[in-house]
Amino acid sequence: MLIKPTRCWRRLLSGDRPSRPEEIRWHEVAHEGETGKVSKANFHDRLGRTVLIMRPGKQNTASPEGNIRHLVYLMENAILNLPEGQEQMSWLIDFNGWSLNTNVPIKTARDIIYILQNHYPERLAIVVLYSPPRIFEAFWKVVKYFVDKKTNEKIGFVYPNNKDSVELMKKFFDAENLPSEFGGEATLKYDHEEFSRLMTQDDIKTAKFWGFDSSSSHDTNYYSKDQVVTKTLSLAPPAT
């Protein structure tokens, strides 16, 4: 069962207006998700944890703030939908189509890492970087300096022709559920309309959980990445 923290501990100040991650609604970030660059999987890992699938090769916007808001929204949604007894999630990152042209800027990557490490501690169980190209190594050499030791231990580079990598995937995921992009037997097909329908339904659940009026609009609530990373307040129900 998720423990609801005091709202003031989730507040991000945007000028004179408070803006909170739980107030973000799907219609505000839906355009960021049109290509399925980040989505919640329709399966869990072997321990029943929520799985987020990321496909950076499908990057479709150049807005750092938009990318961060979209990710924060999906993190909040994934946490709200964690199965009973689970407080962590797994990430699967598919590098098909990835290039330096589609990659987020290093500063944005740094800000995302900051948010994960400082506002969502202990929420990540494992991060799978599946078959990244050699050119990614140059990017990673820079980014890894922003990753703390504890988080780094949860990041795994997985290659389909490597026996240890294959065993790692088998340890955490069932082959029949795992999309073929990650060496499994399932088909990954992102339907933006269907995903939007599910997220809109979850927005009602989110509003109820936080005691909001589900019919009210939060279009005016916005925060930039700079305002996010300068605060050290908890952004989600804390893991115990």
C-alpha atoms as a PDB file:
ATOM      1  CA  MET A   1       0.000   0.000   0.000  1.00  0.00           C
ATOM      2  CA  LEU A   2       1.402   3.404  -0.937  1.00  0.00           C
ATOM      3  CA  ILE A   3       1.932   5.881   1.854  1.00  0.00           C
ATOM      4  CA  LYS A   4       0.704   9.341   0.954  1.00  0.00           C
ATOM      5  CA  PRO A   5       3.216  12.025   2.075  1.00  0.00           C
ATOM      6  CA  THR A   6       2.301  15.508   3.158  1.00  0.00           C
ATOM      7  CA  ARG A   7       1.707  17.586   0.067  1.00  0.00           C
ATOM      8  CA  CYS A   8       4.125  20.338   1.073  1.00  0.00           C
ATOM      9  CA  TRP A   9       6.947  17.812   0.665  1.00  0.00           C
ATOM     10  CA  ARG A  10       5.979  17.401  -2.987  1.00  0.00           C
ATOM     11  CA  ARG A  11       5.727  21.049  -3.863  1.00  0.00           C
ATOM     12  CA  LEU A  12       7.799  22.575  -6.633  1.00  0.00           C
ATOM     13  CA  LEU A  13       7.664  26.350  -6.783  1.00  0.00           C
ATOM     14  CA  SER A  14       7.097  28.020 -10.128  1.00  0.00           C
ATOM     15  CA  GLY A  15       7.229  31.731  -9.417  1.00  0.00           C
ATOM     16  CA  ASP A  16       4.338  32.410  -7.075  1.00  0.00           C
ATOM     17  CA  ARG A  17       2.430  29.301  -8.125  1.00  0.00           C
ATOM     18  CA  PRO A  18       2.893  25.863  -6.571  1.00  0.00           C
ATOM     19  CA  SER A  19       3.109  23.031  -9.060  1.00  0.00           C
ATOM     20  CA  ARG A  20       3.218  19.378  -8.053  1.00  0.00           C
ATOM     21  CA  PRO A  21       4.081  16.275 -10.100  1.00  0.00           C
ATOM     22  CA  GLU A  22       0.819  14.584  -9.103  1.00  0.00           C
ATOM     23  CA  GLU A  23      -1.071  17.451 -10.724  1.00  0.00           C
ATOM     24  CA  ILE A  24       0.346  16.752 -14.188  1.00  0.00           C
ATOM     25  CA  ARG A  25      -2.325  15.245 -16.433  1.00  0.00           C
ATOM     26  CA  TRP A  26      -1.867  13.108 -19.505  1.00  0.00           C
ATOM     27  CA  HIS A  27      -3.333  15.656 -21.917  1.00  0.00           C
ATOM     28  CA  GLU A  28      -0.531  18.032 -20.903  1.00  0.00           C
ATOM     29  CA  VAL A  29       2.264  15.629 -21.891  1.00  0.00           C
ATOM     30  CA  ALA A  30       0.531  13.352 -24.420  1.00  0.00           C
ATOM     31  CA  HIS A  31       2.282  15.001 -27.376  1.00  0.00           C
ATOM     32  CA  GLU A  32       5.618  13.897 -25.903  1.00  0.00           C
ATOM     33  CA  GLY A  33       4.450  10.283 -25.974  1.00  0.00           C
ATOM     34  CA  GLU A  34       3.064  10.120 -29.508  1.00  0.00           C
ATOM     35  CA  THR A  35       5.913   7.922 -30.763  1.00  0.00           C
ATOM     36  CA  GLY A  36       6.012   5.684 -27.700  1.00  0.00           C
ATOM     37  CA  LYS A  37       9.451   6.853 -26.627  1.00  0.00           C
ATOM     38  CA  VAL A  38       8.489   6.094 -23.012  1.00  0.00           C
ATOM     39  CA  SER A  39       5.541   3.950 -21.989  1.00  0.00           C
ATOM     40  CA  LYS A  40       4.365   1.630 -19.262  1.00  0.00           C
ATOM     41  CA  ALA A  41       4.546  -1.994 -20.346  1.00  0.00           C
ATOM     42  CA  ASN A  42       1.494  -4.267 -20.265  1.00  0.00           C
ATOM     43  CA  PHE A  43       3.490  -6.862 -18.312  1.00  0.00           C
ATOM     44  CA  HIS A  44       5.504  -7.069 -15.093  1.00  0.00           C
ATOM     45  CA  ASP A  45       8.925  -8.519 -14.409  1.00  0.00           C
ATOM     46  CA  ARG A  46       9.341 -11.865 -12.652  1.00  0.00           C
ATOM     47  CA  LEU A  47       8.890 -10.228  -9.244  1.00  0.00           C
ATOM     48  CA  GLY A  48       5.677  -8.506 -10.279  1.00  0.00           C
ATOM     49  CA  ARG A  49       7.198  -5.047 -10.631  1.00  0.00           C
ATOM     50  CA  THR A  50       5.963  -2.388 -13.033  1.00  0.00           C
ATOM     51  CA  VAL A  51       8.077  -2.076 -16.191  1.00  0.00           C
ATOM     52  CA  LEU A  52       8.748   1.148 -18.067  1.00  0.00           C
ATOM     53  CA  ILE A  53       9.918   0.796 -21.676  1.00  0.00           C
ATOM     54  CA  MET A  54      12.075   3.532 -23.175  1.00  0.00           C
ATOM     55  CA  ARG A  55      12.911   3.855 -26.868  1.00  0.00           C
ATOM     56  CA  PRO A  56      15.230   6.866 -27.225  1.00  0.00           C
ATOM     57  CA  GLY A  57      15.443   6.270 -30.968  1.00  0.00           C
ATOM     58  CA  LYS A  58      11.848   7.512 -31.129  1.00  0.00           C
ATOM     59  CA  GLN A  59      12.639  10.898 -29.609  1.00  0.00           C
ATOM     60  CA  ASN A  60      10.168  13.363 -31.144  1.00  0.00           C
ATOM     61  CA  THR A  61      10.682  16.706 -29.398  1.00  0.00           C
ATOM     62  CA  ALA A  62      13.552  18.998 -28.497  1.00  0.00           C
ATOM     63  CA  SER A  63      12.014  20.343 -25.293  1.00  0.00           C
ATOM     64  CA  PRO A  64      14.045  19.458 -22.182  1.00  0.00           C
ATOM     65  CA  GLU A  65      11.157  20.562 -19.953  1.00  0.00           C
ATOM     66  CA  GLY A  66       8.668  18.520 -21.963  1.00  0.00           C
ATOM     67  CA  ASN A  67      10.809  15.386 -21.823  1.00  0.00           C
ATOM     68  CA  ILE A  68      11.263  15.717 -18.081  1.00  0.00           C
ATOM     69  CA  ARG A  69       7.567  16.376 -17.391  1.00  0.00           C
ATOM     70  CA  HIS A  70       6.601  13.388 -19.534  1.00  0.00           C
ATOM     71  CA  LEU A  71       9.010  11.096 -17.682  1.00  0.00           C
ATOM     72  CA  VAL A  72       7.949  12.411 -14.258  1.00  0.00           C
ATOM     73  CA  TYR A  73       4.310  11.834 -15.176  1.00  0.00           C
ATOM     74  CA  LEU A  74       5.004   8.213 -16.151  1.00  0.00           C
ATOM     75  CA  MET A  75       7.123   7.634 -13.042  1.00  0.00           C
ATOM     76  CA  GLU A  76       4.263   8.891 -10.880  1.00  0.00           C
ATOM     77  CA  ASN A  77       1.792   6.733 -12.800  1.00  0.00           C
ATOM     78  CA  ALA A  78       3.997   3.649 -12.504  1.00  0.00           C
ATOM     79  CA  ILE A  79       4.374   4.158  -8.754  1.00  0.00           C
ATOM     80  CA  LEU A  80       0.645   4.593  -8.294  1.00  0.00           C
ATOM     81  CA  ASN A  81       0.113   1.310 -10.157  1.00  0.00           C
ATOM     82  CA  LEU A  82       2.723  -0.759  -8.347  1.00  0.00           C
ATOM     83  CA  PRO A  83       1.310  -4.135  -7.277  1.00  0.00           C
ATOM     84  CA  GLU A  84       0.685  -4.772  -3.610  1.00  0.00           C
ATOM     85  CA  GLY A  85       3.967  -5.303  -1.780  1.00  0.00           C
ATOM     86  CA  GLN A  86       6.145  -3.803  -4.531  1.00  0.00           C
ATOM     87  CA  GLU A  87       7.858  -0.434  -4.276  1.00  0.00           C
ATOM     88  CA  GLN A  88      10.296  -0.589  -7.190  1.00  0.00           C
ATOM     89  CA  MET A  89      10.077  -0.721 -10.969  1.00  0.00           C
ATOM     90  CA  SER A  90      12.221  -2.002 -13.824  1.00  0.00           C
ATOM     91  CA  TRP A  91      13.347  -0.057 -16.887  1.00  0.00           C
ATOM     92  CA  LEU A  92      13.975  -1.533 -20.319  1.00  0.00           C
ATOM     93  CA  ILE A  93      15.774   0.752 -22.772  1.00  0.00           C
ATOM     94  CA  ASP A  94      15.693  -0.230 -26.447  1.00  0.00           C
ATOM     95  CA  PHE A  95      18.399   1.377 -28.607  1.00  0.00           C
ATOM     96  CA  ASN A  96      16.911   0.524 -31.998  1.00  0.00           C
ATOM     97  CA  GLY A  97      17.123   3.644 -34.129  1.00  0.00           C
ATOM     98  CA  TRP A  98      19.164   5.545 -31.558  1.00  0.00           C
ATOM     99  CA  SER A  99      21.713   8.072 -32.758  1.00  0.00           C
ATOM    100  CA  LEU A 100      23.370  11.191 -31.398  1.00  0.00           C
ATOM    101  CA  ASN A 101      20.770  13.145 -33.365  1.00  0.00           C
ATOM    102  CA  THR A 102      17.884  11.570 -31.466  1.00  0.00           C
ATOM    103  CA  ASN A 103      19.639  11.576 -28.114  1.00  0.00           C
ATOM    104  CA  VAL A 104      18.640  14.035 -25.407  1.00  0.00           C
ATOM    105  CA  PRO A 105      21.313  16.648 -24.573  1.00  0.00           C
ATOM    106  CA  ILE A 106      23.812  15.757 -21.869  1.00  0.00           C
ATOM    107  CA  LYS A 107      22.420  18.503 -19.624  1.00  0.00           C
ATOM    108  CA  THR A 108      18.924  17.025 -19.893  1.00  0.00           C
ATOM    109  CA  ALA A 109      20.300  13.552 -19.158  1.00  0.00           C
ATOM    110  CA  ARG A 110      22.108  14.973 -16.131  1.00  0.00           C
ATOM    111  CA  ASP A 111      18.920  16.628 -14.874  1.00  0.00           C
ATOM    112  CA  ILE A 112      16.932  13.414 -15.315  1.00  0.00           C
ATOM    113  CA  ILE A 113      19.567  11.466 -13.373  1.00  0.00           C
ATOM    114  CA  TYR A 114      19.442  14.100 -10.627  1.00  0.00           C
ATOM    115  CA  ILE A 115      15.667  13.758 -10.359  1.00  0.00           C
ATOM    116  CA  LEU A 116      15.799   9.970 -10.211  1.00  0.00           C
ATOM    117  CA  GLN A 117      18.548   9.851  -7.598  1.00  0.00           C
ATOM    118  CA  ASN A 118      17.282  12.644  -5.375  1.00  0.00           C
ATOM    119  CA  HIS A 119      13.504  12.483  -5.744  1.00  0.00           C
ATOM    120  CA  TYR A 120      12.893   8.792  -6.483  1.00  0.00           C
ATOM    121  CA  PRO A 121      15.489   7.009  -4.360  1.00  0.00           C
ATOM    122  CA  GLU A 122      15.112   3.242  -4.217  1.00  0.00           C
ATOM    123  CA  ARG A 123      12.402   3.222  -6.878  1.00  0.00           C
ATOM    124  CA  LEU A 124      14.632   1.642  -9.542  1.00  0.00           C
ATOM    125  CA  ALA A 125      15.188  -2.095  -9.284  1.00  0.00           C
ATOM    126  CA  ILE A 126      17.094  -2.565 -12.532  1.00  0.00           C
ATOM    127  CA  VAL A 127      17.824  -0.528 -15.656  1.00  0.00           C
ATOM    128  CA  VAL A 128      18.553  -2.584 -18.787  1.00  0.00           C
ATOM    129  CA  LEU A 129      20.440  -0.825 -21.583  1.00  0.00           C
ATOM    130  CA  TYR A 130      19.731  -3.294 -24.364  1.00  0.00           C
ATOM    131  CA  SER A 131      22.252  -3.565 -27.189  1.00  0.00           C
ATOM    132  CA  PRO A 132      23.497   0.030 -27.193  1.00  0.00           C
ATOM    133  CA  PRO A 133      25.647   0.959 -30.231  1.00  0.00           C
ATOM    134  CA  ARG A 134      29.340   1.699 -29.851  1.00  0.00           C
ATOM    135  CA  ILE A 135      28.764   5.399 -30.340  1.00  0.00           C
ATOM    136  CA  PHE A 136      26.678   5.401 -27.154  1.00  0.00           C
ATOM    137  CA  GLU A 137      29.799   4.574 -25.189  1.00  0.00           C
ATOM    138  CA  ALA A 138      31.155   8.090 -25.769  1.00  0.00           C
ATOM    139  CA  PHE A 139      27.922   9.583 -24.474  1.00  0.00           C
ATOM    140  CA  TRP A 140      27.904   7.231 -21.489  1.00  0.00           C
ATOM    141  CA  LYS A 141      31.484   8.113 -20.525  1.00  0.00           C
ATOM    142  CA  VAL A 142      30.290  11.650 -19.877  1.00  0.00           C
ATOM    143  CA  VAL A 143      26.915  10.855 -18.319  1.00  0.00           C
ATOM    144  CA  LYS A 144      28.142   8.157 -15.916  1.00  0.00           C
ATOM    145  CA  TYR A 145      29.966  10.771 -13.835  1.00  0.00           C
ATOM    146  CA  PHE A 146      26.564  12.055 -12.726  1.00  0.00           C
ATOM    147  CA  VAL A 147      25.416   8.586 -11.647  1.00  0.00           C
ATOM    148  CA  ASP A 148      26.013   7.659  -8.014  1.00  0.00           C
ATOM    149  CA  LYS A 149      27.477   4.282  -7.106  1.00  0.00           C
ATOM    150  CA  LYS A 150      24.221   2.798  -5.840  1.00  0.00           C
ATOM    151  CA  THR A 151      22.330   3.695  -9.004  1.00  0.00           C
ATOM    152  CA  ASN A 152      25.197   2.560 -11.233  1.00  0.00           C
ATOM    153  CA  GLU A 153      25.039  -0.902  -9.678  1.00  0.00           C
ATOM    154  CA  LYS A 154      21.455  -1.224 -10.960  1.00  0.00           C
ATOM    155  CA  ILE A 155      22.375  -0.434 -14.575  1.00  0.00           C
ATOM    156  CA  GLY A 156      23.092  -3.368 -16.839  1.00  0.00           C
ATOM    157  CA  PHE A 157      24.466  -3.318 -20.399  1.00  0.00           C
ATOM    158  CA  VAL A 158      22.852  -6.257 -22.164  1.00  0.00           C
ATOM    159  CA  TYR A 159      23.922  -7.676 -25.529  1.00  0.00           C
ATOM    160  CA  PRO A 160      21.935 -10.428 -27.292  1.00  0.00           C
ATOM    161  CA  ASN A 161      25.052 -12.412 -28.251  1.00  0.00           C
ATOM    162  CA  ASN A 162      26.468 -12.403 -24.733  1.00  0.00           C
ATOM    163  CA  LYS A 163      25.638 -15.447 -22.605  1.00  0.00           C
ATOM    164  CA  ASP A 164      25.741 -13.543 -19.309  1.00  0.00           C
ATOM    165  CA  SER A 165      23.432 -10.900 -20.755  1.00  0.00           C
ATOM    166  CA  VAL A 166      20.914 -13.513 -21.855  1.00  0.00           C
ATOM    167  CA  GLU A 167      20.962 -15.082 -18.396  1.00  0.00           C
ATOM    168  CA  LEU A 168      20.399 -11.694 -16.810  1.00  0.00           C
ATOM    169  CA  MET A 169      17.279 -11.148 -18.910  1.00  0.00           C
ATOM    170  CA  LYS A 170      15.981 -14.615 -18.029  1.00  0.00           C
ATOM    171  CA  LYS A 171      16.514 -13.854 -14.353  1.00  0.00           C
ATOM    172  CA  PHE A 172      14.293 -10.780 -14.406  1.00  0.00           C
ATOM    173  CA  PHE A 173      11.824 -11.359 -17.259  1.00  0.00           C
ATOM    174  CA  ASP A 174       9.672 -14.126 -18.720  1.00  0.00           C
ATOM    175  CA  ALA A 175      10.473 -14.675 -22.393  1.00  0.00           C
ATOM    176  CA  GLU A 176       6.799 -14.961 -23.347  1.00  0.00           C
ATOM    177  CA  ASN A 177       6.125 -11.466 -21.964  1.00  0.00           C
ATOM    178  CA  LEU A 178       9.340  -9.832 -23.101  1.00  0.00           C
ATOM    179  CA  PRO A 179       9.172  -7.992 -26.473  1.00  0.00           C
ATOM    180  CA  SER A 180      11.390  -9.307 -29.256  1.00  0.00           C
ATOM    181  CA  GLU A 181      13.340  -6.015 -29.151  1.00  0.00           C
ATOM    182  CA  PHE A 182      14.714  -7.316 -25.852  1.00  0.00           C
ATOM    183  CA  GLY A 183      15.239 -10.906 -26.921  1.00  0.00           C
ATOM    184  CA  GLY A 184      11.796 -12.154 -25.911  1.00  0.00           C
ATOM    185  CA  GLU A 185       8.880 -13.740 -27.728  1.00  0.00           C
ATOM    186  CA  ALA A 186       6.241 -10.994 -27.479  1.00  0.00           C
ATOM    187  CA  THR A 187       5.454  -8.206 -29.915  1.00  0.00           C
ATOM    188  CA  LEU A 188       5.836  -4.602 -28.817  1.00  0.00           C
ATOM    189  CA  LYS A 189       3.227  -2.433 -30.468  1.00  0.00           C
ATOM    190  CA  TYR A 190       2.606   1.025 -29.089  1.00  0.00           C
ATOM    191  CA  ASP A 191      -0.912   2.327 -29.721  1.00  0.00           C
ATOM    192  CA  HIS A 192      -0.936   5.976 -28.700  1.00  0.00           C
ATOM    193  CA  GLU A 193      -4.724   6.236 -28.755  1.00  0.00           C
ATOM    194  CA  GLU A 194      -5.174   3.210 -26.525  1.00  0.00           C
ATOM    195  CA  PHE A 195      -2.353   4.246 -24.205  1.00  0.00           C
ATOM    196  CA  SER A 196      -3.893   7.723 -23.927  1.00  0.00           C
ATOM    197  CA  ARG A 197      -7.221   6.157 -22.991  1.00  0.00           C
ATOM    198  CA  LEU A 198      -5.570   4.183 -20.197  1.00  0.00           C
ATOM    199  CA  MET A 199      -3.629   7.178 -18.916  1.00  0.00           C
ATOM    200  CA  THR A 200      -6.773   9.328 -18.897  1.00  0.00           C
ATOM    201  CA  GLN A 201      -8.483   6.681 -16.787  1.00  0.00           C
ATOM    202  CA  ASP A 202      -5.502   6.611 -14.445  1.00  0.00           C
ATOM    203  CA  ASP A 203      -5.674  10.398 -14.093  1.00  0.00           C
ATOM    204  CA  ILE A 204      -9.021   9.909 -12.359  1.00  0.00           C
ATOM    205  CA  LYS A 205      -7.410   7.410  -9.986  1.00  0.00           C
ATOM    206  CA  THR A 206      -4.527   9.821  -9.365  1.00  0.00           C
ATOM    207  CA  ALA A 207      -6.926  12.662  -8.563  1.00  0.00           C
ATOM    208  CA  LYS A 208      -8.819  10.444  -6.144  1.00  0.00           C
ATOM    209  CA  PHE A 209      -5.623   9.260  -4.453  1.00  0.00           C
ATOM    210  CA  TRP A 210      -4.428  12.821  -3.873  1.00  0.00           C
ATOM    211  CA  GLY A 211      -7.845  14.194  -3.048  1.00  0.00           C
ATOM    212  CA  PHE A 212      -8.237  16.370  -6.138  1.00  0.00           C
ATOM    213  CA  ASP A 213     -11.405  17.140  -8.049  1.00  0.00           C
ATOM    214  CA  SER A 214     -10.944  14.876 -11.093  1.00  0.00           C
ATOM    215  CA  SER A 215     -12.951  17.269 -13.231  1.00  0.00           C
ATOM    216  CA  SER A 216     -10.678  20.213 -12.526  1.00  0.00           C
ATOM    217  CA  SER A 217      -8.010  21.270 -14.990  1.00  0.00           C
ATOM    218  CA  HIS A 218      -4.358  21.718 -14.122  1.00  0.00           C
ATOM    219  CA  ASP A 219      -3.288  23.219 -17.435  1.00  0.00           C
ATOM    220  CA  THR A 220      -1.775  26.228 -15.678  1.00  0.00           C
ATOM    221  CA  ASN A 221       0.498  24.124 -13.509  1.00  0.00           C
ATOM    222  CA  TYR A 222       3.937  23.985 -15.051  1.00  0.00           C
ATOM    223  CA  TYR A 223       7.498  23.762 -13.870  1.00  0.00           C
ATOM    224  CA  SER A 224      10.760  23.898 -15.740  1.00  0.00           C
ATOM    225  CA  LYS A 225      13.624  21.466 -15.351  1.00  0.00           C
ATOM    226  CA  ASP A 226      15.691  24.146 -13.638  1.00  0.00           C
ATOM    227  CA  GLN A 227      12.993  24.598 -11.009  1.00  0.00           C
ATOM    228  CA  VAL A 228      12.785  20.841 -10.590  1.00  0.00           C
ATOM    229  CA  VAL A 229      16.463  20.174 -10.067  1.00  0.00           C
ATOM    230  CA  THR A 230      17.021  23.035  -7.654  1.00  0.00           C
ATOM    231  CA  LYS A 231      14.560  21.558  -5.168  1.00  0.00           C
ATOM    232  CA  THR A 232      15.356  18.606  -2.918  1.00  0.00           C
ATOM    233  CA  LEU A 233      11.799  17.720  -1.969  1.00  0.00           C
ATOM    234  CA  SER A 234      10.278  14.278  -2.414  1.00  0.00           C
ATOM    235  CA  LEU A 235       8.338  13.871  -5.636  1.00  0.00           C
ATOM    236  CA  ALA A 236       6.611  10.585  -4.916  1.00  0.00           C
ATOM    237  CA  PRO A 237       5.327   8.382  -2.122  1.00  0.00           C
ATOM    238  CA  PRO A 238       8.596   7.271  -0.538  1.00  0.00           C
ATOM    239  CA  ALA A 239       9.741   3.691  -0.604  1.00  0.00           C
ATOM    240  CA  THR A 240       9.909   2.208   2.853  1.00  0.00           C
END
